């Protein structure tokens, strides 16, 4: 599954109203750790099929959403299911660690 780049206008449609859980990457183009995380995020997006939707949201262009979700540092990945936050991952980490954290969030949702 490919990554969808969203903005404040498409957030409700792509995230809040999504039938499947969504992992939102709150990032900025100028952020070094965000750039380092991007390849792993992209690679993992194809590993989860229809279990998880991956989207990217540039915080410079969506400051109101960043504030709404209390994003104080980036990169910040927030998993949202049925319009509600179910978990977050903050900061850069290598792909295996990121995958483990995503898997833990998905497992926690099933309980």
C-alpha atoms as a PDB file:
ATOM      1  CA  UNK A   1       0.000   0.000   0.000  1.00  0.00           C
ATOM      2  CA  UNK A   2       1.368   3.396  -0.909  1.00  0.00           C
ATOM      3  CA  UNK A   3       1.734   6.365   1.383  1.00  0.00           C
ATOM      4  CA  UNK A   4      -0.847   9.115   0.991  1.00  0.00           C
ATOM      5  CA  UNK A   5       0.260  12.712   1.508  1.00  0.00           C
ATOM      6  CA  UNK A   6      -2.565  14.560   3.193  1.00  0.00           C
ATOM      7  CA  UNK A   7      -3.278  18.101   4.322  1.00  0.00           C
ATOM      8  CA  UNK A   8      -5.695  19.783   6.673  1.00  0.00           C
ATOM      9  CA  UNK A   9      -8.457  19.569   4.042  1.00  0.00           C
ATOM     10  CA  UNK A  10      -8.169  15.810   3.497  1.00  0.00           C
ATOM     11  CA  UNK A  11      -7.474  14.829   7.127  1.00  0.00           C
ATOM     12  CA  UNK A  12     -11.069  13.998   8.060  1.00  0.00           C
ATOM     13  CA  UNK A  13     -11.663  11.901   4.943  1.00  0.00           C
ATOM     14  CA  UNK A  14      -8.340  10.039   5.032  1.00  0.00           C
ATOM     15  CA  UNK A  15      -7.878   9.688   8.806  1.00  0.00           C
ATOM     16  CA  UNK A  16     -10.877  10.410  11.032  1.00  0.00           C
ATOM     17  CA  UNK A  17     -13.371   8.651   8.751  1.00  0.00           C
ATOM     18  CA  UNK A  18     -11.104   5.780   7.677  1.00  0.00           C
ATOM     19  CA  UNK A  19     -12.524   2.273   8.020  1.00  0.00           C
ATOM     20  CA  UNK A  20      -9.054   0.968   8.873  1.00  0.00           C
ATOM     21  CA  UNK A  21      -6.487   2.213  11.402  1.00  0.00           C
ATOM     22  CA  UNK A  22      -4.215   4.974  10.118  1.00  0.00           C
ATOM     23  CA  UNK A  23      -0.589   5.733  11.009  1.00  0.00           C
ATOM     24  CA  UNK A  24      -0.057   9.471  10.543  1.00  0.00           C
ATOM     25  CA  UNK A  25       3.529  10.692  10.137  1.00  0.00           C
ATOM     26  CA  UNK A  26       3.625  14.265  11.449  1.00  0.00           C
ATOM     27  CA  UNK A  27       6.799  15.613   9.830  1.00  0.00           C
ATOM     28  CA  UNK A  28       8.450  18.683   8.303  1.00  0.00           C
ATOM     29  CA  UNK A  29      10.697  18.967   5.245  1.00  0.00           C
ATOM     30  CA  UNK A  30      13.436  20.716   7.254  1.00  0.00           C
ATOM     31  CA  UNK A  31      13.551  17.996   9.960  1.00  0.00           C
ATOM     32  CA  UNK A  32      16.659  15.773   9.746  1.00  0.00           C
ATOM     33  CA  UNK A  33      15.265  12.874  11.823  1.00  0.00           C
ATOM     34  CA  UNK A  34      12.068  13.013   9.725  1.00  0.00           C
ATOM     35  CA  UNK A  35      14.147  12.560   6.568  1.00  0.00           C
ATOM     36  CA  UNK A  36      16.002   9.662   8.185  1.00  0.00           C
ATOM     37  CA  UNK A  37      12.723   7.962   9.182  1.00  0.00           C
ATOM     38  CA  UNK A  38      11.037   8.420   5.783  1.00  0.00           C
ATOM     39  CA  UNK A  39      12.600   5.410   3.975  1.00  0.00           C
ATOM     40  CA  UNK A  40      11.622   2.993   6.774  1.00  0.00           C
ATOM     41  CA  UNK A  41       8.106   4.468   6.910  1.00  0.00           C
ATOM     42  CA  UNK A  42       7.815   4.038   3.137  1.00  0.00           C
ATOM     43  CA  UNK A  43       9.106   0.453   3.180  1.00  0.00           C
ATOM     44  CA  UNK A  44       6.832  -0.545   6.057  1.00  0.00           C
ATOM     45  CA  UNK A  45       3.785   0.908   4.320  1.00  0.00           C
ATOM     46  CA  UNK A  46       3.803  -2.059   1.942  1.00  0.00           C
ATOM     47  CA  UNK A  47       4.193  -4.634   4.744  1.00  0.00           C
ATOM     48  CA  UNK A  48       0.787  -4.115   6.334  1.00  0.00           C
ATOM     49  CA  UNK A  49      -1.548  -4.439   3.351  1.00  0.00           C
ATOM     50  CA  UNK A  50      -5.079  -3.476   4.315  1.00  0.00           C
ATOM     51  CA  UNK A  51      -4.408  -3.743   8.062  1.00  0.00           C
ATOM     52  CA  UNK A  52      -2.990  -0.229   8.353  1.00  0.00           C
ATOM     53  CA  UNK A  53      -3.070   2.904   6.205  1.00  0.00           C
ATOM     54  CA  UNK A  54       0.083   5.083   6.121  1.00  0.00           C
ATOM     55  CA  UNK A  55      -0.234   8.849   5.616  1.00  0.00           C
ATOM     56  CA  UNK A  56       2.139  11.819   5.897  1.00  0.00           C
ATOM     57  CA  UNK A  57       1.144  15.259   7.163  1.00  0.00           C
ATOM     58  CA  UNK A  58       3.503  18.242   6.913  1.00  0.00           C
ATOM     59  CA  UNK A  59       3.187  20.064  10.244  1.00  0.00           C
ATOM     60  CA  UNK A  60       4.335  23.347   8.683  1.00  0.00           C
ATOM     61  CA  UNK A  61       1.134  23.342   6.628  1.00  0.00           C
ATOM     62  CA  UNK A  62      -1.133  21.819   9.275  1.00  0.00           C
ATOM     63  CA  UNK A  63      -0.155  23.522  12.527  1.00  0.00           C
ATOM     64  CA  UNK A  64      -3.718  23.384  13.864  1.00  0.00           C
ATOM     65  CA  UNK A  65      -3.771  19.588  13.555  1.00  0.00           C
ATOM     66  CA  UNK A  66      -0.320  19.298  15.131  1.00  0.00           C
ATOM     67  CA  UNK A  67      -1.602  21.362  18.059  1.00  0.00           C
ATOM     68  CA  UNK A  68      -4.846  19.357  18.280  1.00  0.00           C
ATOM     69  CA  UNK A  69      -2.851  16.134  18.601  1.00  0.00           C
ATOM     70  CA  UNK A  70      -0.315  17.741  20.961  1.00  0.00           C
ATOM     71  CA  UNK A  71       2.622  17.089  18.641  1.00  0.00           C
ATOM     72  CA  UNK A  72       5.539  18.752  20.400  1.00  0.00           C
ATOM     73  CA  UNK A  73       8.385  16.985  18.604  1.00  0.00           C
ATOM     74  CA  UNK A  74       8.822  15.436  15.181  1.00  0.00           C
ATOM     75  CA  UNK A  75       8.900  12.942  13.696  1.00  0.00           C
ATOM     76  CA  UNK A  76       5.760  11.873  15.526  1.00  0.00           C
ATOM     77  CA  UNK A  77       3.767   8.903  14.288  1.00  0.00           C
ATOM     78  CA  UNK A  78       0.242   8.724  15.676  1.00  0.00           C
ATOM     79  CA  UNK A  79      -1.966   5.690  15.154  1.00  0.00           C
ATOM     80  CA  UNK A  80      -5.618   6.651  14.851  1.00  0.00           C
ATOM     81  CA  UNK A  81      -8.501   4.205  14.809  1.00  0.00           C
ATOM     82  CA  UNK A  82     -12.164   5.209  14.521  1.00  0.00           C
ATOM     83  CA  UNK A  83     -11.115   8.855  14.817  1.00  0.00           C
ATOM     84  CA  UNK A  84      -9.289   8.394  18.138  1.00  0.00           C
ATOM     85  CA  UNK A  85      -5.586   8.207  18.966  1.00  0.00           C
ATOM     86  CA  UNK A  86      -4.605   4.694  20.038  1.00  0.00           C
ATOM     87  CA  UNK A  87      -0.864   5.239  20.315  1.00  0.00           C
ATOM     88  CA  UNK A  88       2.147   7.247  19.234  1.00  0.00           C
ATOM     89  CA  UNK A  89       5.786   6.766  18.332  1.00  0.00           C
ATOM     90  CA  UNK A  90       8.070   9.775  18.706  1.00  0.00           C
ATOM     91  CA  UNK A  91      11.531  10.257  17.238  1.00  0.00           C
ATOM     92  CA  UNK A  92      13.745   8.476  14.770  1.00  0.00           C
ATOM     93  CA  UNK A  93      14.414   4.752  15.061  1.00  0.00           C
ATOM     94  CA  UNK A  94      15.695   2.080  12.679  1.00  0.00           C
ATOM     95  CA  UNK A  95      13.201   0.072  10.648  1.00  0.00           C
ATOM     96  CA  UNK A  96      13.199  -3.116  12.822  1.00  0.00           C
ATOM     97  CA  UNK A  97      12.479  -1.084  15.960  1.00  0.00           C
ATOM     98  CA  UNK A  98       9.792   0.945  14.188  1.00  0.00           C
ATOM     99  CA  UNK A  99       8.127  -2.249  12.928  1.00  0.00           C
ATOM    100  CA  UNK A 100       8.136  -3.714  16.445  1.00  0.00           C
ATOM    101  CA  UNK A 101       6.481  -0.579  17.849  1.00  0.00           C
ATOM    102  CA  UNK A 102       3.840  -0.550  15.096  1.00  0.00           C
ATOM    103  CA  UNK A 103       3.135  -4.251  15.702  1.00  0.00           C
ATOM    104  CA  UNK A 104       2.764  -3.574  19.447  1.00  0.00           C
ATOM    105  CA  UNK A 105       0.259  -0.778  18.778  1.00  0.00           C
ATOM    106  CA  UNK A 106      -1.763  -2.995  16.434  1.00  0.00           C
ATOM    107  CA  UNK A 107      -1.720  -5.848  18.956  1.00  0.00           C
ATOM    108  CA  UNK A 108      -2.836  -3.481  21.719  1.00  0.00           C
ATOM    109  CA  UNK A 109      -5.824  -2.423  19.622  1.00  0.00           C
ATOM    110  CA  UNK A 110      -7.065  -6.036  19.403  1.00  0.00           C
ATOM    111  CA  UNK A 111      -7.357  -6.398  23.171  1.00  0.00           C
END
